[in-house]
Amino acid sequence: MITRMRGAMARLLKADQGPFTDELMLAPTPHGALPSRLAPESVVTTVCGFCSTGCGLNVHLKNGRAINLTPTADYPVNLGMACPKGWESLTPLASP
């Protein structure tokens, strides 16, 4: 019985299909590999305003709303990197 239970647990832990797997599965897009729910219709470049450094960020838009962001790879200030404040720069948009 324990062997059967271990086999069932192993199959469950190694499942390659299911609702969570489908939600997280990366798909190729023109903006890199992203989960399909985060695949943007368009991308706009902006400058982060949290500090005076002014890092470049690409804001991913879907239905006219910001859904994700990535640091701008060729921007000379941040060269494709962002600090924790930059990664969270869309959070105020969800504020009431």
PDB file of N, CA and C in Angstrom:
ATOM      1  N   MET A   1       0.825  -1.192   0.000  1.00  0.00           N
ATOM      2  CA  MET A   1       0.000   0.000   0.000  1.00  0.00           C
ATOM      3  C   MET A   1       0.873   1.262   0.000  1.00  0.00           C
ATOM      4  N   ILE A   2       1.936   1.263   0.786  1.00  0.00           N
ATOM      5  CA  ILE A   2       2.814   2.431   0.828  1.00  0.00           C
ATOM      6  C   ILE A   2       3.474   2.652  -0.524  1.00  0.00           C
ATOM      7  N   THR A   3       3.847   1.565  -1.196  1.00  0.00           N
ATOM      8  CA  THR A   3       4.468   1.680  -2.523  1.00  0.00           C
ATOM      9  C   THR A   3       3.490   2.296  -3.511  1.00  0.00           C
ATOM     10  N   ARG A   4       2.220   1.881  -3.451  1.00  0.00           N
ATOM     11  CA  ARG A   4       1.199   2.432  -4.342  1.00  0.00           C
ATOM     12  C   ARG A   4       0.992   3.922  -4.070  1.00  0.00           C
ATOM     13  N   MET A   5       0.998   4.292  -2.797  1.00  0.00           N
ATOM     14  CA  MET A   5       0.819   5.687  -2.422  1.00  0.00           C
ATOM     15  C   MET A   5       2.001   6.534  -2.897  1.00  0.00           C
ATOM     16  N   ARG A   6       3.207   6.001  -2.767  1.00  0.00           N
ATOM     17  CA  ARG A   6       4.383   6.728  -3.247  1.00  0.00           C
ATOM     18  C   ARG A   6       4.319   6.922  -4.758  1.00  0.00           C
ATOM     19  N   GLY A   7       3.863   5.910  -5.472  1.00  0.00           N
ATOM     20  CA  GLY A   7       3.729   6.015  -6.926  1.00  0.00           C
ATOM     21  C   GLY A   7       2.715   7.078  -7.315  1.00  0.00           C
ATOM     22  N   ALA A   8       1.606   7.120  -6.587  1.00  0.00           N
ATOM     23  CA  ALA A   8       0.573   8.125  -6.864  1.00  0.00           C
ATOM     24  C   ALA A   8       1.101   9.528  -6.581  1.00  0.00           C
ATOM     25  N   MET A   9       1.840   9.682  -5.483  1.00  0.00           N
ATOM     26  CA  MET A   9       2.414  10.988  -5.149  1.00  0.00           C
ATOM     27  C   MET A   9       3.434  11.408  -6.202  1.00  0.00           C
ATOM     28  N   ALA A  10       4.253  10.480  -6.656  1.00  0.00           N
ATOM     29  CA  ALA A  10       5.257  10.798  -7.667  1.00  0.00           C
ATOM     30  C   ALA A  10       4.586  11.261  -8.953  1.00  0.00           C
ATOM     31  N   ARG A  11       3.501  10.596  -9.363  1.00  0.00           N
ATOM     32  CA  ARG A  11       2.784  11.008 -10.583  1.00  0.00           C
ATOM     33  C   ARG A  11       2.167  12.393 -10.403  1.00  0.00           C
ATOM     34  N   LEU A  12       1.643  12.672  -9.225  1.00  0.00           N
ATOM     35  CA  LEU A  12       1.034  13.961  -8.944  1.00  0.00           C
ATOM     36  C   LEU A  12       2.079  15.072  -8.968  1.00  0.00           C
ATOM     37  N   LEU A  13       3.219  14.839  -8.363  1.00  0.00           N
ATOM     38  CA  LEU A  13       4.258  15.860  -8.298  1.00  0.00           C
ATOM     39  C   LEU A  13       4.931  16.104  -9.642  1.00  0.00           C
ATOM     40  N   LYS A  14       4.916  15.119 -10.511  1.00  0.00           N
ATOM     41  CA  LYS A  14       5.564  15.258 -11.815  1.00  0.00           C
ATOM     42  C   LYS A  14       4.561  15.481 -12.940  1.00  0.00           C
ATOM     43  N   ALA A  15       3.326  15.850 -12.612  1.00  0.00           N
ATOM     44  CA  ALA A  15       2.306  16.078 -13.633  1.00  0.00           C
ATOM     45  C   ALA A  15       2.725  17.221 -14.547  1.00  0.00           C
ATOM     46  N   ASP A  16       2.639  17.004 -15.856  1.00  0.00           N
ATOM     47  CA  ASP A  16       3.018  18.048 -16.799  1.00  0.00           C
ATOM     48  C   ASP A  16       1.814  18.690 -17.470  1.00  0.00           C
ATOM     49  N   GLN A  17       0.628  18.389 -16.973  1.00  0.00           N
ATOM     50  CA  GLN A  17      -0.583  19.034 -17.463  1.00  0.00           C
ATOM     51  C   GLN A  17      -1.492  19.311 -16.277  1.00  0.00           C
ATOM     52  N   GLY A  18      -2.232  20.366 -16.380  1.00  0.00           N
ATOM     53  CA  GLY A  18      -3.141  20.750 -15.309  1.00  0.00           C
ATOM     54  C   GLY A  18      -3.363  22.246 -15.349  1.00  0.00           C
ATOM     55  N   PRO A  19      -4.287  22.765 -14.534  1.00  0.00           N
ATOM     56  CA  PRO A  19      -4.618  24.187 -14.606  1.00  0.00           C
ATOM     57  C   PRO A  19      -3.456  25.102 -14.236  1.00  0.00           C
ATOM     58  N   PHE A  20      -2.661  24.741 -13.239  1.00  0.00           N
ATOM     59  CA  PHE A  20      -1.553  25.607 -12.842  1.00  0.00           C
ATOM     60  C   PHE A  20      -0.420  25.538 -13.857  1.00  0.00           C
ATOM     61  N   THR A  21      -0.163  24.359 -14.387  1.00  0.00           N
ATOM     62  CA  THR A  21       0.877  24.211 -15.399  1.00  0.00           C
ATOM     63  C   THR A  21       0.515  24.999 -16.642  1.00  0.00           C
ATOM     64  N   ASP A  22      -0.735  24.912 -17.073  1.00  0.00           N
ATOM     65  CA  ASP A  22      -1.175  25.659 -18.252  1.00  0.00           C
ATOM     66  C   ASP A  22      -1.052  27.163 -18.037  1.00  0.00           C
ATOM     67  N   GLU A  23      -1.326  27.622 -16.808  1.00  0.00           N
ATOM     68  CA  GLU A  23      -1.246  29.049 -16.517  1.00  0.00           C
ATOM     69  C   GLU A  23       0.195  29.554 -16.527  1.00  0.00           C
ATOM     70  N   LEU A  24       1.126  28.717 -16.124  1.00  0.00           N
ATOM     71  CA  LEU A  24       2.522  29.129 -16.025  1.00  0.00           C
ATOM     72  C   LEU A  24       3.370  28.777 -17.245  1.00  0.00           C
ATOM     73  N   MET A  25       2.823  27.995 -18.176  1.00  0.00           N
ATOM     74  CA  MET A  25       3.577  27.556 -19.346  1.00  0.00           C
ATOM     75  C   MET A  25       4.017  28.761 -20.172  1.00  0.00           C
ATOM     76  N   LEU A  26       5.304  28.829 -20.468  1.00  0.00           N
ATOM     77  CA  LEU A  26       5.838  29.940 -21.241  1.00  0.00           C
ATOM     78  C   LEU A  26       5.594  29.722 -22.724  1.00  0.00           C
ATOM     79  N   ALA A  27       5.239  30.790 -23.397  1.00  0.00           N
ATOM     80  CA  ALA A  27       5.023  30.760 -24.840  1.00  0.00           C
ATOM     81  C   ALA A  27       5.907  31.833 -25.463  1.00  0.00           C
ATOM     82  N   PRO A  28       6.471  31.553 -26.634  1.00  0.00           N
ATOM     83  CA  PRO A  28       7.304  32.574 -27.273  1.00  0.00           C
ATOM     84  C   PRO A  28       6.464  33.746 -27.753  1.00  0.00           C
ATOM     85  N   THR A  29       6.923  34.953 -27.462  1.00  0.00           N
ATOM     86  CA  THR A  29       6.285  36.178 -27.942  1.00  0.00           C
ATOM     87  C   THR A  29       7.385  37.071 -28.505  1.00  0.00           C
ATOM     88  N   PRO A  30       7.042  38.123 -29.220  1.00  0.00           N
ATOM     89  CA  PRO A  30       8.078  39.041 -29.706  1.00  0.00           C
ATOM     90  C   PRO A  30       8.847  39.726 -28.568  1.00  0.00           C
ATOM     91  N   HIS A  31       8.315  39.629 -27.352  1.00  0.00           N
ATOM     92  CA  HIS A  31       8.928  40.298 -26.206  1.00  0.00           C
ATOM     93  C   HIS A  31       9.576  39.306 -25.260  1.00  0.00           C
ATOM     94  N   GLY A  32       9.855  38.103 -25.717  1.00  0.00           N
ATOM     95  CA  GLY A  32      10.468  37.071 -24.889  1.00  0.00           C
ATOM     96  C   GLY A  32       9.460  35.991 -24.540  1.00  0.00           C
ATOM     97  N   ALA A  33       9.906  34.982 -23.813  1.00  0.00           N
ATOM     98  CA  ALA A  33       9.031  33.889 -23.406  1.00  0.00           C
ATOM     99  C   ALA A  33       8.240  34.317 -22.173  1.00  0.00           C
ATOM    100  N   LEU A  34       6.919  34.311 -22.301  1.00  0.00           N
ATOM    101  CA  LEU A  34       6.028  34.750 -21.226  1.00  0.00           C
ATOM    102  C   LEU A  34       4.850  33.792 -21.113  1.00  0.00           C
ATOM    103  N   PRO A  35       4.226  33.692 -19.932  1.00  0.00           N
ATOM    104  CA  PRO A  35       2.966  32.956 -19.850  1.00  0.00           C
ATOM    105  C   PRO A  35       1.925  33.636 -20.745  1.00  0.00           C
ATOM    106  N   SER A  36       1.032  32.860 -21.319  1.00  0.00           N
ATOM    107  CA  SER A  36       0.082  33.418 -22.288  1.00  0.00           C
ATOM    108  C   SER A  36      -0.781  34.519 -21.680  1.00  0.00           C
ATOM    109  N   ARG A  37      -1.087  34.448 -20.381  1.00  0.00           N
ATOM    110  CA  ARG A  37      -1.898  35.495 -19.757  1.00  0.00           C
ATOM    111  C   ARG A  37      -1.151  36.822 -19.675  1.00  0.00           C
ATOM    112  N   LEU A  38       0.185  36.805 -19.805  1.00  0.00           N
ATOM    113  CA  LEU A  38       0.980  38.024 -19.754  1.00  0.00           C
ATOM    114  C   LEU A  38       1.511  38.441 -21.126  1.00  0.00           C
ATOM    115  N   ALA A  39       1.074  37.775 -22.180  1.00  0.00           N
ATOM    116  CA  ALA A  39       1.520  38.145 -23.522  1.00  0.00           C
ATOM    117  C   ALA A  39       0.898  39.490 -23.899  1.00  0.00           C
ATOM    118  N   PRO A  40       1.725  40.504 -24.150  1.00  0.00           N
ATOM    119  CA  PRO A  40       1.184  41.847 -24.398  1.00  0.00           C
ATOM    120  C   PRO A  40       0.717  42.029 -25.833  1.00  0.00           C
ATOM    121  N   GLU A  41      -0.231  42.951 -25.997  1.00  0.00           N
ATOM    122  CA  GLU A  41      -0.644  43.381 -27.330  1.00  0.00           C
ATOM    123  C   GLU A  41       0.326  44.433 -27.850  1.00  0.00           C
ATOM    124  N   SER A  42       0.855  45.229 -26.928  1.00  0.00           N
ATOM    125  CA  SER A  42       1.834  46.253 -27.299  1.00  0.00           C
ATOM    126  C   SER A  42       2.739  46.535 -26.112  1.00  0.00           C
ATOM    127  N   VAL A  43       3.845  47.203 -26.393  1.00  0.00           N
ATOM    128  CA  VAL A  43       4.816  47.551 -25.357  1.00  0.00           C
ATOM    129  C   VAL A  43       5.202  49.010 -25.533  1.00  0.00           C
ATOM    130  N   VAL A  44       5.228  49.750 -24.425  1.00  0.00           N
ATOM    131  CA  VAL A  44       5.683  51.138 -24.448  1.00  0.00           C
ATOM    132  C   VAL A  44       6.881  51.264 -23.513  1.00  0.00           C
ATOM    133  N   THR A  45       7.803  52.122 -23.864  1.00  0.00           N
ATOM    134  CA  THR A  45       8.976  52.357 -23.033  1.00  0.00           C
ATOM    135  C   THR A  45       8.751  53.601 -22.203  1.00  0.00           C
ATOM    136  N   THR A  46       9.088  53.510 -20.936  1.00  0.00           N
ATOM    137  CA  THR A  46       8.937  54.632 -20.023  1.00  0.00           C
ATOM    138  C   THR A  46      10.162  54.693 -19.118  1.00  0.00           C
ATOM    139  N   VAL A  47      10.232  55.734 -18.329  1.00  0.00           N
ATOM    140  CA  VAL A  47      11.323  55.899 -17.376  1.00  0.00           C
ATOM    141  C   VAL A  47      10.752  55.748 -15.975  1.00  0.00           C
ATOM    142  N   CYS A  48      11.398  54.922 -15.162  1.00  0.00           N
ATOM    143  CA  CYS A  48      10.963  54.700 -13.783  1.00  0.00           C
ATOM    144  C   CYS A  48      11.108  56.003 -13.003  1.00  0.00           C
ATOM    145  N   GLY A  49      10.112  56.334 -12.201  1.00  0.00           N
ATOM    146  CA  GLY A  49      10.136  57.585 -11.458  1.00  0.00           C
ATOM    147  C   GLY A  49      10.322  57.427  -9.965  1.00  0.00           C
ATOM    148  N   PHE A  50      10.709  56.241  -9.501  1.00  0.00           N
ATOM    149  CA  PHE A  50      10.842  56.034  -8.066  1.00  0.00           C
ATOM    150  C   PHE A  50      12.074  56.698  -7.468  1.00  0.00           C
ATOM    151  N   CYS A  51      13.111  56.921  -8.253  1.00  0.00           N
ATOM    152  CA  CYS A  51      14.289  57.618  -7.739  1.00  0.00           C
ATOM    153  C   CYS A  51      14.849  58.489  -8.861  1.00  0.00           C
ATOM    154  N   SER A  52      15.954  59.130  -8.623  1.00  0.00           N
ATOM    155  CA  SER A  52      16.506  60.042  -9.627  1.00  0.00           C
ATOM    156  C   SER A  52      17.383  59.351 -10.664  1.00  0.00           C
ATOM    157  N   THR A  53      17.550  58.031 -10.585  1.00  0.00           N
ATOM    158  CA  THR A  53      18.396  57.326 -11.556  1.00  0.00           C
ATOM    159  C   THR A  53      17.764  57.332 -12.945  1.00  0.00           C
ATOM    160  N   GLY A  54      16.479  57.071 -13.030  1.00  0.00           N
ATOM    161  CA  GLY A  54      15.775  57.117 -14.304  1.00  0.00           C
ATOM    162  C   GLY A  54      16.015  55.914 -15.187  1.00  0.00           C
ATOM    163  N   CYS A  55      15.783  54.726 -14.665  1.00  0.00           N
ATOM    164  CA  CYS A  55      15.958  53.493 -15.441  1.00  0.00           C
ATOM    165  C   CYS A  55      14.848  53.354 -16.485  1.00  0.00           C
ATOM    166  N   GLY A  56      15.174  52.736 -17.617  1.00  0.00           N
ATOM    167  CA  GLY A  56      14.203  52.491 -18.668  1.00  0.00           C
ATOM    168  C   GLY A  56      13.436  51.209 -18.414  1.00  0.00           C
ATOM    169  N   LEU A  57      12.119  51.264 -18.554  1.00  0.00           N
ATOM    170  CA  LEU A  57      11.259  50.101 -18.363  1.00  0.00           C
ATOM    171  C   LEU A  57      10.334  49.956 -19.559  1.00  0.00           C
ATOM    172  N   ASN A  58      10.126  48.719 -19.991  1.00  0.00           N
ATOM    173  CA  ASN A  58       9.143  48.408 -21.023  1.00  0.00           C
ATOM    174  C   ASN A  58       7.868  47.968 -20.319  1.00  0.00           C
ATOM    175  N   VAL A  59       6.794  48.695 -20.518  1.00  0.00           N
ATOM    176  CA  VAL A  59       5.511  48.359 -19.909  1.00  0.00           C
ATOM    177  C   VAL A  59       4.695  47.587 -20.936  1.00  0.00           C
ATOM    178  N   HIS A  60       4.257  46.390 -20.560  1.00  0.00           N
ATOM    179  CA  HIS A  60       3.476  45.525 -21.447  1.00  0.00           C
ATOM    180  C   HIS A  60       2.001  45.850 -21.265  1.00  0.00           C
ATOM    181  N   LEU A  61       1.320  46.114 -22.378  1.00  0.00           N
ATOM    182  CA  LEU A  61      -0.089  46.520 -22.342  1.00  0.00           C
ATOM    183  C   LEU A  61      -0.977  45.453 -22.964  1.00  0.00           C
ATOM    184  N   LYS A  62      -2.124  45.243 -22.349  1.00  0.00           N
ATOM    185  CA  LYS A  62      -3.144  44.348 -22.901  1.00  0.00           C
ATOM    186  C   LYS A  62      -4.486  45.014 -22.652  1.00  0.00           C
ATOM    187  N   ASN A  63      -5.263  45.197 -23.686  1.00  0.00           N
ATOM    188  CA  ASN A  63      -6.547  45.905 -23.597  1.00  0.00           C
ATOM    189  C   ASN A  63      -6.365  47.297 -22.996  1.00  0.00           C
ATOM    190  N   GLY A  64      -5.260  47.942 -23.303  1.00  0.00           N
ATOM    191  CA  GLY A  64      -5.003  49.289 -22.826  1.00  0.00           C
ATOM    192  C   GLY A  64      -4.572  49.395 -21.377  1.00  0.00           C
ATOM    193  N   ARG A  65      -4.341  48.260 -20.713  1.00  0.00           N
ATOM    194  CA  ARG A  65      -3.940  48.262 -19.306  1.00  0.00           C
ATOM    195  C   ARG A  65      -2.556  47.652 -19.158  1.00  0.00           C
ATOM    196  N   ALA A  66      -1.789  48.181 -18.219  1.00  0.00           N
ATOM    197  CA  ALA A  66      -0.460  47.650 -17.939  1.00  0.00           C
ATOM    198  C   ALA A  66      -0.600  46.325 -17.194  1.00  0.00           C
ATOM    199  N   ILE A  67      -0.004  45.252 -17.747  1.00  0.00           N
ATOM    200  CA  ILE A  67      -0.116  43.935 -17.123  1.00  0.00           C
ATOM    201  C   ILE A  67       1.219  43.392 -16.646  1.00  0.00           C
ATOM    202  N   ASN A  68       2.315  43.960 -17.121  1.00  0.00           N
ATOM    203  CA  ASN A  68       3.631  43.435 -16.782  1.00  0.00           C
ATOM    204  C   ASN A  68       4.671  44.467 -17.194  1.00  0.00           C
ATOM    205  N   LEU A  69       5.892  44.281 -16.756  1.00  0.00           N
ATOM    206  CA  LEU A  69       6.969  45.141 -17.238  1.00  0.00           C
ATOM    207  C   LEU A  69       8.276  44.378 -17.252  1.00  0.00           C
ATOM    208  N   THR A  70       9.183  44.866 -18.064  1.00  0.00           N
ATOM    209  CA  THR A  70      10.540  44.337 -18.123  1.00  0.00           C
ATOM    210  C   THR A  70      11.486  45.524 -18.233  1.00  0.00           C
ATOM    211  N   PRO A  71      12.689  45.401 -17.680  1.00  0.00           N
ATOM    212  CA  PRO A  71      13.671  46.469 -17.855  1.00  0.00           C
ATOM    213  C   PRO A  71      14.100  46.555 -19.317  1.00  0.00           C
ATOM    214  N   THR A  72      14.337  47.759 -19.802  1.00  0.00           N
ATOM    215  CA  THR A  72      14.764  47.949 -21.180  1.00  0.00           C
ATOM    216  C   THR A  72      16.213  47.497 -21.322  1.00  0.00           C
ATOM    217  N   ALA A  73      16.453  46.531 -22.188  1.00  0.00           N
ATOM    218  CA  ALA A  73      17.777  45.911 -22.306  1.00  0.00           C
ATOM    219  C   ALA A  73      18.839  46.867 -22.832  1.00  0.00           C
ATOM    220  N   ASP A  74      18.492  47.718 -23.771  1.00  0.00           N
ATOM    221  CA  ASP A  74      19.512  48.573 -24.382  1.00  0.00           C
ATOM    222  C   ASP A  74      19.508  50.006 -23.850  1.00  0.00           C
ATOM    223  N   TYR A  75      18.820  50.249 -22.740  1.00  0.00           N
ATOM    224  CA  TYR A  75      18.812  51.582 -22.135  1.00  0.00           C
ATOM    225  C   TYR A  75      20.147  51.778 -21.403  1.00  0.00           C
ATOM    226  N   PRO A  76      20.880  52.869 -21.666  1.00  0.00           N
ATOM    227  CA  PRO A  76      22.240  52.990 -21.125  1.00  0.00           C
ATOM    228  C   PRO A  76      22.335  53.135 -19.602  1.00  0.00           C
ATOM    229  N   VAL A  77      21.262  53.511 -18.940  1.00  0.00           N
ATOM    230  CA  VAL A  77      21.318  53.711 -17.491  1.00  0.00           C
ATOM    231  C   VAL A  77      21.273  52.381 -16.747  1.00  0.00           C
ATOM    232  N   ASN A  78      20.346  51.505 -17.107  1.00  0.00           N
ATOM    233  CA  ASN A  78      20.171  50.270 -16.344  1.00  0.00           C
ATOM    234  C   ASN A  78      20.542  48.994 -17.096  1.00  0.00           C
ATOM    235  N   LEU A  79      20.763  49.047 -18.397  1.00  0.00           N
ATOM    236  CA  LEU A  79      21.231  47.899 -19.187  1.00  0.00           C
ATOM    237  C   LEU A  79      20.466  46.606 -18.908  1.00  0.00           C
ATOM    238  N   GLY A  80      19.147  46.681 -18.896  1.00  0.00           N
ATOM    239  CA  GLY A  80      18.324  45.488 -18.739  1.00  0.00           C
ATOM    240  C   GLY A  80      18.132  45.017 -17.310  1.00  0.00           C
ATOM    241  N   MET A  81      18.465  45.847 -16.338  1.00  0.00           N
ATOM    242  CA  MET A  81      18.284  45.469 -14.935  1.00  0.00           C
ATOM    243  C   MET A  81      17.347  46.472 -14.258  1.00  0.00           C
ATOM    244  N   ALA A  82      16.749  46.039 -13.153  1.00  0.00           N
ATOM    245  CA  ALA A  82      15.886  46.935 -12.373  1.00  0.00           C
ATOM    246  C   ALA A  82      16.025  46.590 -10.901  1.00  0.00           C
ATOM    247  N   CYS A  83      15.871  47.593 -10.066  1.00  0.00           N
ATOM    248  CA  CYS A  83      15.915  47.380  -8.614  1.00  0.00           C
ATOM    249  C   CYS A  83      14.528  46.912  -8.159  1.00  0.00           C
ATOM    250  N   PRO A  84      14.380  46.541  -6.891  1.00  0.00           N
ATOM    251  CA  PRO A  84      13.063  46.114  -6.406  1.00  0.00           C
ATOM    252  C   PRO A  84      11.975  47.173  -6.574  1.00  0.00           C
ATOM    253  N   LYS A  85      12.328  48.442  -6.440  1.00  0.00           N
ATOM    254  CA  LYS A  85      11.327  49.502  -6.623  1.00  0.00           C
ATOM    255  C   LYS A  85      10.867  49.541  -8.076  1.00  0.00           C
ATOM    256  N   GLY A  86      11.800  49.373  -9.000  1.00  0.00           N
ATOM    257  CA  GLY A  86      11.444  49.367 -10.413  1.00  0.00           C
ATOM    258  C   GLY A  86      10.541  48.207 -10.780  1.00  0.00           C
ATOM    259  N   TRP A  87      10.844  47.017 -10.248  1.00  0.00           N
ATOM    260  CA  TRP A  87      10.012  45.847 -10.534  1.00  0.00           C
ATOM    261  C   TRP A  87       8.596  46.022 -10.012  1.00  0.00           C
ATOM    262  N   GLU A  88       8.420  46.805  -8.968  1.00  0.00           N
ATOM    263  CA  GLU A  88       7.101  47.028  -8.377  1.00  0.00           C
ATOM    264  C   GLU A  88       6.449  48.329  -8.832  1.00  0.00           C
ATOM    265  N   SER A  89       6.958  48.943  -9.867  1.00  0.00           N
ATOM    266  CA  SER A  89       6.452  50.259 -10.262  1.00  0.00           C
ATOM    267  C   SER A  89       5.023  50.235 -10.804  1.00  0.00           C
ATOM    268  N   LEU A  90       4.464  49.081 -11.119  1.00  0.00           N
ATOM    269  CA  LEU A  90       3.070  49.013 -11.561  1.00  0.00           C
ATOM    270  C   LEU A  90       2.107  48.861 -10.378  1.00  0.00           C
ATOM    271  N   THR A  91       2.620  48.563  -9.203  1.00  0.00           N
ATOM    272  CA  THR A  91       1.772  48.333  -8.031  1.00  0.00           C
ATOM    273  C   THR A  91       0.862  49.518  -7.710  1.00  0.00           C
ATOM    274  N   PRO A  92       1.319  50.771  -7.779  1.00  0.00           N
ATOM    275  CA  PRO A  92       0.403  51.889  -7.470  1.00  0.00           C
ATOM    276  C   PRO A  92      -0.805  51.959  -8.410  1.00  0.00           C
ATOM    277  N   LEU A  93      -0.727  51.360  -9.583  1.00  0.00           N
ATOM    278  CA  LEU A  93      -1.868  51.381 -10.503  1.00  0.00           C
ATOM    279  C   LEU A  93      -3.050  50.601  -9.958  1.00  0.00           C
ATOM    280  N   ALA A  94      -2.804  49.657  -9.057  1.00  0.00           N
ATOM    281  CA  ALA A  94      -3.884  48.858  -8.481  1.00  0.00           C
ATOM    282  C   ALA A  94      -4.485  49.491  -7.234  1.00  0.00           C
ATOM    283  N   SER A  95      -3.957  50.629  -6.827  1.00  0.00           N
ATOM    284  CA  SER A  95      -4.436  51.309  -5.629  1.00  0.00           C
ATOM    285  C   SER A  95      -5.834  51.909  -5.859  1.00  0.00           C
ATOM    286  N   PRO A  96      -6.707  51.823  -4.844  1.00  0.00           N
ATOM    287  CA  PRO A  96      -8.027  52.428  -4.999  1.00  0.00           C
ATOM    288  C   PRO A  96      -7.929  53.943  -5.047  1.00  0.00           C
TER     289      PRO A  96
END
